[in-house]
C-alpha atoms as a PDB file:
ATOM      1  CA  UNK A   1       0.000   0.000   0.000  1.00  0.00           C
ATOM      2  CA  UNK A   2       2.825   2.394   0.777  1.00  0.00           C
ATOM      3  CA  UNK A   3       4.386   1.673  -2.605  1.00  0.00           C
ATOM      4  CA  UNK A   4       1.066   2.440  -4.297  1.00  0.00           C
ATOM      5  CA  UNK A   5       0.758   5.743  -2.461  1.00  0.00           C
ATOM      6  CA  UNK A   6       4.327   6.712  -3.347  1.00  0.00           C
ATOM      7  CA  UNK A   7       3.730   5.813  -6.979  1.00  0.00           C
ATOM      8  CA  UNK A   8       0.626   8.010  -6.912  1.00  0.00           C
ATOM      9  CA  UNK A   9       2.631  10.869  -5.360  1.00  0.00           C
ATOM     10  CA  UNK A  10       5.240  10.568  -8.097  1.00  0.00           C
ATOM     11  CA  UNK A  11       2.561  10.692 -10.780  1.00  0.00           C
ATOM     12  CA  UNK A  12       0.969  13.765  -9.189  1.00  0.00           C
ATOM     13  CA  UNK A  13       4.347  15.466  -9.005  1.00  0.00           C
ATOM     14  CA  UNK A  14       5.021  14.722 -12.649  1.00  0.00           C
ATOM     15  CA  UNK A  15       1.585  16.016 -13.607  1.00  0.00           C
ATOM     16  CA  UNK A  16       2.144  19.237 -11.654  1.00  0.00           C
ATOM     17  CA  UNK A  17       5.491  19.781 -13.410  1.00  0.00           C
ATOM     18  CA  UNK A  18       3.866  19.273 -16.811  1.00  0.00           C
ATOM     19  CA  UNK A  19       1.210  21.876 -15.986  1.00  0.00           C
ATOM     20  CA  UNK A  20       3.836  24.295 -14.653  1.00  0.00           C
ATOM     21  CA  UNK A  21       5.863  23.918 -17.841  1.00  0.00           C
ATOM     22  CA  UNK A  22       2.809  24.598 -20.016  1.00  0.00           C
ATOM     23  CA  UNK A  23       1.767  27.611 -17.935  1.00  0.00           C
ATOM     24  CA  UNK A  24       5.103  29.303 -17.434  1.00  0.00           C
ATOM     25  CA  UNK A  25       7.377  28.180 -20.242  1.00  0.00           C
ATOM     26  CA  UNK A  26       5.340  27.318 -23.312  1.00  0.00           C
ATOM     27  CA  UNK A  27       3.103  30.386 -23.517  1.00  0.00           C
ATOM     28  CA  UNK A  28       3.997  32.934 -26.169  1.00  0.00           C
ATOM     29  CA  UNK A  29       4.290  36.349 -24.589  1.00  0.00           C
ATOM     30  CA  UNK A  30       4.112  39.636 -26.462  1.00  0.00           C
ATOM     31  CA  UNK A  31       5.254  42.565 -24.380  1.00  0.00           C
ATOM     32  CA  UNK A  32       3.710  45.576 -26.106  1.00  0.00           C
ATOM     33  CA  UNK A  33       3.358  47.774 -23.029  1.00  0.00           C
ATOM     34  CA  UNK A  34       5.431  48.351 -19.881  1.00  0.00           C
ATOM     35  CA  UNK A  35       2.504  47.067 -17.825  1.00  0.00           C
ATOM     36  CA  UNK A  36       2.507  43.739 -19.684  1.00  0.00           C
ATOM     37  CA  UNK A  37       6.238  43.372 -19.216  1.00  0.00           C
ATOM     38  CA  UNK A  38       6.092  44.241 -15.516  1.00  0.00           C
ATOM     39  CA  UNK A  39       3.231  41.765 -14.960  1.00  0.00           C
ATOM     40  CA  UNK A  40       5.218  39.047 -16.742  1.00  0.00           C
ATOM     41  CA  UNK A  41       8.221  39.698 -14.495  1.00  0.00           C
ATOM     42  CA  UNK A  42       6.094  39.450 -11.347  1.00  0.00           C
ATOM     43  CA  UNK A  43       4.367  36.297 -12.619  1.00  0.00           C
ATOM     44  CA  UNK A  44       7.682  34.611 -13.340  1.00  0.00           C
ATOM     45  CA  UNK A  45       8.988  35.533  -9.874  1.00  0.00           C
ATOM     46  CA  UNK A  46       5.929  33.833  -8.363  1.00  0.00           C
ATOM     47  CA  UNK A  47       6.480  30.838 -10.620  1.00  0.00           C
ATOM     48  CA  UNK A  48      10.082  30.522  -9.429  1.00  0.00           C
ATOM     49  CA  UNK A  49       8.983  30.659  -5.790  1.00  0.00           C
ATOM     50  CA  UNK A  50       6.222  28.139  -6.463  1.00  0.00           C
ATOM     51  CA  UNK A  51       8.585  25.665  -8.120  1.00  0.00           C
ATOM     52  CA  UNK A  52      11.287  26.008  -5.469  1.00  0.00           C
ATOM     53  CA  UNK A  53       8.747  25.433  -2.706  1.00  0.00           C
ATOM     54  CA  UNK A  54       8.112  21.973  -4.179  1.00  0.00           C
ATOM     55  CA  UNK A  55      11.706  21.074  -3.335  1.00  0.00           C
ATOM     56  CA  UNK A  56      10.606  20.000   0.147  1.00  0.00           C
ATOM     57  CA  UNK A  57       7.980  17.650  -1.288  1.00  0.00           C
ATOM     58  CA  UNK A  58      10.505  16.182  -3.714  1.00  0.00           C
ATOM     59  CA  UNK A  59      12.950  15.542  -0.885  1.00  0.00           C
ATOM     60  CA  UNK A  60      10.268  13.805   1.211  1.00  0.00           C
ATOM     61  CA  UNK A  61       9.388  11.576  -1.750  1.00  0.00           C
ATOM     62  CA  UNK A  62      13.038  10.740  -2.246  1.00  0.00           C
ATOM     63  CA  UNK A  63      13.558   9.824   1.438  1.00  0.00           C
ATOM     64  CA  UNK A  64      10.381   7.694   1.592  1.00  0.00           C
ATOM     65  CA  UNK A  65      11.321   5.768  -1.542  1.00  0.00           C
ATOM     66  CA  UNK A  66      14.814   5.119  -0.185  1.00  0.00           C
ATOM     67  CA  UNK A  67      13.319   3.801   3.044  1.00  0.00           C
ATOM     68  CA  UNK A  68      10.932   1.558   1.115  1.00  0.00           C
ATOM     69  CA  UNK A  69      13.748   0.288  -1.095  1.00  0.00           C
ATOM     70  CA  UNK A  70      15.719  -0.625   2.003  1.00  0.00           C
ATOM     71  CA  UNK A  71      12.766  -2.633   3.360  1.00  0.00           C
ATOM     72  CA  UNK A  72      11.272  -3.989   0.134  1.00  0.00           C
ATOM     73  CA  UNK A  73      13.971  -3.960  -2.560  1.00  0.00           C
ATOM     74  CA  UNK A  74      11.691  -5.262  -5.314  1.00  0.00           C
ATOM     75  CA  UNK A  75       9.088  -2.483  -4.945  1.00  0.00           C
ATOM     76  CA  UNK A  76      11.642   0.160  -4.134  1.00  0.00           C
ATOM     77  CA  UNK A  77      13.683  -0.482  -7.256  1.00  0.00           C
ATOM     78  CA  UNK A  78      10.815   0.336  -9.618  1.00  0.00           C
ATOM     79  CA  UNK A  79       9.923   3.448  -7.654  1.00  0.00           C
ATOM     80  CA  UNK A  80      13.579   4.535  -7.625  1.00  0.00           C
ATOM     81  CA  UNK A  81      13.629   4.455 -11.414  1.00  0.00           C
ATOM     82  CA  UNK A  82      10.490   6.618 -11.597  1.00  0.00           C
ATOM     83  CA  UNK A  83      11.939   8.891  -8.915  1.00  0.00           C
ATOM     84  CA  UNK A  84      15.079   9.493 -10.984  1.00  0.00           C
ATOM     85  CA  UNK A  85      12.940  10.608 -13.914  1.00  0.00           C
ATOM     86  CA  UNK A  86      10.923  12.953 -11.678  1.00  0.00           C
ATOM     87  CA  UNK A  87      14.099  14.350 -10.082  1.00  0.00           C
ATOM     88  CA  UNK A  88      15.639  14.984 -13.488  1.00  0.00           C
ATOM     89  CA  UNK A  89      12.489  16.679 -14.796  1.00  0.00           C
ATOM     90  CA  UNK A  90      12.155  18.749 -11.625  1.00  0.00           C
ATOM     91  CA  UNK A  91      15.740  19.997 -11.848  1.00  0.00           C
ATOM     92  CA  UNK A  92      15.261  20.843 -15.517  1.00  0.00           C
ATOM     93  CA  UNK A  93      12.050  22.743 -14.719  1.00  0.00           C
ATOM     94  CA  UNK A  94      13.791  24.706 -11.937  1.00  0.00           C
ATOM     95  CA  UNK A  95      16.661  25.656 -14.223  1.00  0.00           C
ATOM     96  CA  UNK A  96      14.401  26.751 -17.067  1.00  0.00           C
ATOM     97  CA  UNK A  97      12.162  28.855 -14.824  1.00  0.00           C
ATOM     98  CA  UNK A  98      15.166  30.419 -13.105  1.00  0.00           C
ATOM     99  CA  UNK A  99      16.587  31.227 -16.524  1.00  0.00           C
ATOM    100  CA  UNK A 100      13.383  32.769 -17.825  1.00  0.00           C
ATOM    101  CA  UNK A 101      12.906  34.763 -14.629  1.00  0.00           C
ATOM    102  CA  UNK A 102      16.454  36.092 -14.867  1.00  0.00           C
ATOM    103  CA  UNK A 103      15.957  37.008 -18.539  1.00  0.00           C
ATOM    104  CA  UNK A 104      12.736  38.915 -17.848  1.00  0.00           C
ATOM    105  CA  UNK A 105      14.324  40.745 -14.922  1.00  0.00           C
ATOM    106  CA  UNK A 106      17.223  41.738 -17.197  1.00  0.00           C
ATOM    107  CA  UNK A 107      14.785  42.961 -19.847  1.00  0.00           C
ATOM    108  CA  UNK A 108      12.865  45.025 -17.285  1.00  0.00           C
ATOM    109  CA  UNK A 109      16.138  46.477 -15.973  1.00  0.00           C
ATOM    110  CA  UNK A 110      17.100  47.344 -19.548  1.00  0.00           C
ATOM    111  CA  UNK A 111      13.776  49.191 -20.041  1.00  0.00           C
ATOM    112  CA  UNK A 112      14.175  51.153 -16.782  1.00  0.00           C
ATOM    113  CA  UNK A 113      17.758  52.031 -17.694  1.00  0.00           C
ATOM    114  CA  UNK A 114      16.617  53.275 -21.106  1.00  0.00           C
ATOM    115  CA  UNK A 115      14.028  55.551 -19.474  1.00  0.00           C
ATOM    116  CA  UNK A 116      16.666  56.939 -17.104  1.00  0.00           C
ATOM    117  CA  UNK A 117      19.039  57.794 -19.960  1.00  0.00           C
ATOM    118  CA  UNK A 118      16.188  59.370 -21.917  1.00  0.00           C
ATOM    119  CA  UNK A 119      15.319  61.523 -18.897  1.00  0.00           C
ATOM    120  CA  UNK A 120      18.949  62.649 -18.570  1.00  0.00           C
ATOM    121  CA  UNK A 121      19.271  63.539 -22.245  1.00  0.00           C
ATOM    122  CA  UNK A 122      15.876  65.240 -22.329  1.00  0.00           C
ATOM    123  CA  UNK A 123      16.982  67.452 -19.426  1.00  0.00           C
ATOM    124  CA  UNK A 124      20.139  68.275 -21.399  1.00  0.00           C
ATOM    125  CA  UNK A 125      18.076  69.132 -24.498  1.00  0.00           C
ATOM    126  CA  UNK A 126      15.879  71.420 -22.391  1.00  0.00           C
ATOM    127  CA  UNK A 127      19.013  73.157 -21.124  1.00  0.00           C
ATOM    128  CA  UNK A 128      20.396  73.451 -24.657  1.00  0.00           C
ATOM    129  CA  UNK A 129      17.134  74.937 -25.920  1.00  0.00           C
ATOM    130  CA  UNK A 130      17.192  77.472 -23.084  1.00  0.00           C
ATOM    131  CA  UNK A 131      20.786  78.486 -23.883  1.00  0.00           C
ATOM    132  CA  UNK A 132      19.937  78.898 -27.578  1.00  0.00           C
ATOM    133  CA  UNK A 133      17.005  81.146 -26.691  1.00  0.00           C
ATOM    134  CA  UNK A 134      19.312  83.222 -24.493  1.00  0.00           C
ATOM    135  CA  UNK A 135      21.441  84.054 -27.558  1.00  0.00           C
ATOM    136  CA  UNK A 136      18.536  85.909 -29.162  1.00  0.00           C
ATOM    137  CA  UNK A 137      18.135  89.697 -28.861  1.00  0.00           C
ATOM    138  CA  UNK A 138      21.533  90.175 -27.213  1.00  0.00           C
ATOM    139  CA  UNK A 139      22.775  93.692 -26.403  1.00  0.00           C
ATOM    140  CA  UNK A 140      25.295  94.935 -28.945  1.00  0.00           C
ATOM    141  CA  UNK A 141      28.122  94.567 -26.457  1.00  0.00           C
ATOM    142  CA  UNK A 142      31.281  92.487 -26.657  1.00  0.00           C
ATOM    143  CA  UNK A 143      30.947  91.016 -23.156  1.00  0.00           C
ATOM    144  CA  UNK A 144      27.303  90.028 -23.681  1.00  0.00           C
ATOM    145  CA  UNK A 145      28.035  88.202 -26.940  1.00  0.00           C
ATOM    146  CA  UNK A 146      31.143  86.535 -25.523  1.00  0.00           C
ATOM    147  CA  UNK A 147      29.307  85.307 -22.401  1.00  0.00           C
ATOM    148  CA  UNK A 148      26.425  83.957 -24.501  1.00  0.00           C
ATOM    149  CA  UNK A 149      28.871  82.097 -26.759  1.00  0.00           C
ATOM    150  CA  UNK A 150      30.783  80.575 -23.839  1.00  0.00           C
ATOM    151  CA  UNK A 151      27.513  79.519 -22.181  1.00  0.00           C
ATOM    152  CA  UNK A 152      26.300  77.835 -25.355  1.00  0.00           C
ATOM    153  CA  UNK A 153      29.625  76.106 -25.976  1.00  0.00           C
ATOM    154  CA  UNK A 154      29.722  74.740 -22.439  1.00  0.00           C
ATOM    155  CA  UNK A 155      26.401  72.952 -23.039  1.00  0.00           C
ATOM    156  CA  UNK A 156      27.463  71.707 -26.480  1.00  0.00           C
ATOM    157  CA  UNK A 157      30.482  69.976 -24.920  1.00  0.00           C
ATOM    158  CA  UNK A 158      28.053  67.406 -23.499  1.00  0.00           C
ATOM    159  CA  UNK A 159      29.500  63.872 -24.028  1.00  0.00           C
ATOM    160  CA  UNK A 160      27.797  61.442 -26.399  1.00  0.00           C
ATOM    161  CA  UNK A 161      27.968  58.454 -23.993  1.00  0.00           C
ATOM    162  CA  UNK A 162      24.327  58.705 -22.910  1.00  0.00           C
ATOM    163  CA  UNK A 163      23.067  58.816 -26.485  1.00  0.00           C
ATOM    164  CA  UNK A 164      25.147  55.724 -27.260  1.00  0.00           C
ATOM    165  CA  UNK A 165      23.507  53.922 -24.333  1.00  0.00           C
ATOM    166  CA  UNK A 166      20.049  54.995 -25.511  1.00  0.00           C
ATOM    167  CA  UNK A 167      20.729  53.677 -29.002  1.00  0.00           C
ATOM    168  CA  UNK A 168      22.127  50.340 -27.788  1.00  0.00           C
ATOM    169  CA  UNK A 169      19.480  49.696 -25.121  1.00  0.00           C
ATOM    170  CA  UNK A 170      16.661  50.635 -27.465  1.00  0.00           C
ATOM    171  CA  UNK A 171      17.994  48.427 -30.261  1.00  0.00           C
ATOM    172  CA  UNK A 172      18.445  45.490 -27.885  1.00  0.00           C
ATOM    173  CA  UNK A 173      14.809  45.652 -26.770  1.00  0.00           C
ATOM    174  CA  UNK A 174      13.474  46.247 -30.285  1.00  0.00           C
ATOM    175  CA  UNK A 175      15.463  43.294 -31.656  1.00  0.00           C
ATOM    176  CA  UNK A 176      13.830  41.125 -28.990  1.00  0.00           C
ATOM    177  CA  UNK A 177      10.383  42.335 -30.018  1.00  0.00           C
ATOM    178  CA  UNK A 178       9.863  43.879 -26.598  1.00  0.00           C
ATOM    179  CA  UNK A 179       8.007  47.205 -26.346  1.00  0.00           C
ATOM    180  CA  UNK A 180       9.205  47.814 -29.909  1.00  0.00           C
ATOM    181  CA  UNK A 181       6.395  50.197 -30.918  1.00  0.00           C
ATOM    182  CA  UNK A 182       6.705  52.338 -27.779  1.00  0.00           C
ATOM    183  CA  UNK A 183      10.501  52.410 -27.890  1.00  0.00           C
ATOM    184  CA  UNK A 184      10.598  53.219 -31.614  1.00  0.00           C
ATOM    185  CA  UNK A 185       8.222  56.122 -31.026  1.00  0.00           C
ATOM    186  CA  UNK A 186      10.248  57.446 -28.085  1.00  0.00           C
ATOM    187  CA  UNK A 187      13.561  57.158 -29.945  1.00  0.00           C
ATOM    188  CA  UNK A 188      12.160  58.782 -33.070  1.00  0.00           C
ATOM    189  CA  UNK A 189      10.854  61.764 -31.093  1.00  0.00           C
ATOM    190  CA  UNK A 190      14.092  62.090 -29.104  1.00  0.00           C
ATOM    191  CA  UNK A 191      16.355  61.827 -32.165  1.00  0.00           C
ATOM    192  CA  UNK A 192      14.269  64.340 -34.133  1.00  0.00           C
ATOM    193  CA  UNK A 193      14.438  66.878 -31.318  1.00  0.00           C
ATOM    194  CA  UNK A 194      18.141  66.219 -30.780  1.00  0.00           C
ATOM    195  CA  UNK A 195      18.953  66.763 -34.465  1.00  0.00           C
ATOM    196  CA  UNK A 196      16.853  69.923 -34.666  1.00  0.00           C
ATOM    197  CA  UNK A 197      18.268  71.536 -31.521  1.00  0.00           C
ATOM    198  CA  UNK A 198      21.849  70.468 -32.247  1.00  0.00           C
ATOM    199  CA  UNK A 199      21.787  72.005 -35.721  1.00  0.00           C
ATOM    200  CA  UNK A 200      20.170  75.158 -34.389  1.00  0.00           C
ATOM    201  CA  UNK A 201      22.709  75.437 -31.558  1.00  0.00           C
ATOM    202  CA  UNK A 202      25.710  74.912 -33.867  1.00  0.00           C
ATOM    203  CA  UNK A 203      24.269  77.471 -36.298  1.00  0.00           C
ATOM    204  CA  UNK A 204      23.882  79.985 -33.457  1.00  0.00           C
ATOM    205  CA  UNK A 205      27.413  79.182 -32.254  1.00  0.00           C
ATOM    206  CA  UNK A 206      28.867  79.960 -35.691  1.00  0.00           C
ATOM    207  CA  UNK A 207      26.826  83.165 -35.928  1.00  0.00           C
ATOM    208  CA  UNK A 208      27.998  84.305 -32.486  1.00  0.00           C
ATOM    209  CA  UNK A 209      31.623  83.510 -33.330  1.00  0.00           C
ATOM    210  CA  UNK A 210      31.347  85.607 -36.490  1.00  0.00           C
ATOM    211  CA  UNK A 211      29.584  88.406 -34.628  1.00  0.00           C
ATOM    212  CA  UNK A 212      32.240  88.325 -31.903  1.00  0.00           C
ATOM    213  CA  UNK A 213      35.042  88.430 -34.479  1.00  0.00           C
ATOM    214  CA  UNK A 214      33.452  91.410 -36.225  1.00  0.00           C
ATOM    215  CA  UNK A 215      32.959  93.226 -32.924  1.00  0.00           C
ATOM    216  CA  UNK A 216      36.576  92.589 -31.909  1.00  0.00           C
ATOM    217  CA  UNK A 217      37.842  93.879 -35.238  1.00  0.00           C
ATOM    218  CA  UNK A 218      35.619  96.945 -34.955  1.00  0.00           C
ATOM    219  CA  UNK A 219      36.723  97.461 -31.369  1.00  0.00           C
ATOM    220  CA  UNK A 220      40.364  97.232 -32.446  1.00  0.00           C
ATOM    221  CA  UNK A 221      39.821  99.743 -35.273  1.00  0.00           C
ATOM    222  CA  UNK A 222      38.139 102.152 -32.877  1.00  0.00           C
ATOM    223  CA  UNK A 223      40.973 101.743 -30.424  1.00  0.00           C
ATOM    224  CA  UNK A 224      43.567 102.509 -33.139  1.00  0.00           C
ATOM    225  CA  UNK A 225      41.511 105.491 -34.298  1.00  0.00           C
ATOM    226  CA  UNK A 226      41.196 106.738 -30.733  1.00  0.00           C
ATOM    227  CA  UNK A 227      44.954 106.460 -30.237  1.00  0.00           C
ATOM    228  CA  UNK A 228      45.568 108.356 -33.498  1.00  0.00           C
ATOM    229  CA  UNK A 229      43.125 111.065 -32.510  1.00  0.00           C
ATOM    230  CA  UNK A 230      44.756 111.364 -29.102  1.00  0.00           C
ATOM    231  CA  UNK A 231      48.161 111.750 -30.758  1.00  0.00           C
ATOM    232  CA  UNK A 232      46.763 114.352 -33.171  1.00  0.00           C
ATOM    233  CA  UNK A 233      45.145 116.218 -30.284  1.00  0.00           C
ATOM    234  CA  UNK A 234      48.484 116.226 -28.461  1.00  0.00           C
ATOM    235  CA  UNK A 235      50.244 117.618 -31.507  1.00  0.00           C
ATOM    236  CA  UNK A 236      47.623 120.309 -32.113  1.00  0.00           C
ATOM    237  CA  UNK A 237      47.735 121.317 -28.480  1.00  0.00           C
ATOM    238  CA  UNK A 238      51.515 121.550 -28.763  1.00  0.00           C
ATOM    239  CA  UNK A 239      51.213 123.740 -31.886  1.00  0.00           C
ATOM    240  CA  UNK A 240      48.729 126.035 -30.221  1.00  0.00           C
ATOM    241  CA  UNK A 241      50.883 126.299 -27.125  1.00  0.00           C
ATOM    242  CA  UNK A 242      53.914 127.205 -29.241  1.00  0.00           C
ATOM    243  CA  UNK A 243      51.767 129.668 -31.315  1.00  0.00           C
ATOM    244  CA  UNK A 244      52.815 127.977 -34.534  1.00  0.00           C
ATOM    245  CA  UNK A 245      51.260 129.477 -37.662  1.00  0.00           C
ATOM    246  CA  UNK A 246      48.815 127.093 -39.373  1.00  0.00           C
ATOM    247  CA  UNK A 247      50.649 127.316 -42.669  1.00  0.00           C
ATOM    248  CA  UNK A 248      53.808 126.120 -40.962  1.00  0.00           C
ATOM    249  CA  UNK A 249      52.123 122.907 -39.837  1.00  0.00           C
ATOM    250  CA  UNK A 250      52.263 119.590 -41.704  1.00  0.00           C
ATOM    251  CA  UNK A 251      49.427 119.055 -44.187  1.00  0.00           C
ATOM    252  CA  UNK A 252      47.555 116.533 -41.956  1.00  0.00           C
ATOM    253  CA  UNK A 253      47.633 118.978 -39.016  1.00  0.00           C
ATOM    254  CA  UNK A 254      46.216 121.771 -41.195  1.00  0.00           C
END
């Protein structure tokens, strides 16, 4: 009777493993929204816990069959063979569910990481847009133009590492068919805004550099002219002081 009960327990265990495999491993999942992906991750975590909790039952079965085999070798031998099959299938099920759970957790982490990088780069784009707007309607002063140019250039020196991460993370998820529509839409919007603002900022940078160069050249010319006028004023003052007749002066002084 004990052998019959153990055989029944083995059959029930095998049946449970078959159902678990069908429910957790053979279903085709399509993760088209973050909610679906998050639910799948939580479901697989529960599945892993559920499967691992059966380890106690498997151990009890194993111990009982060993005890029976020690007492009744003929009955125990048949059950031991069935037990080995169940143990092998159970270990395989545990490994596969652990693997799928780990994969889904990695995918979810990849999605969260992508969102974080997008937030960082969006904040940078907002800052860049603000700096570009600050270059409009500047006072016609050298310091104002120079400060605006330096401010814009400091933002443009932003490293490209984050954008590389966004591209790689997004492509990894899209290649896996995970959240591909949502990610494609987000990346398209981000890239379009990045290209637009980058071109605008570089265009404004070039314009400010040219404006600054022109202002410096003009400032230099005015400085030279001012120095020449000062020298001329000194000479004229000297002529007047010495009561020199105008016709005795050099042509440029006249």
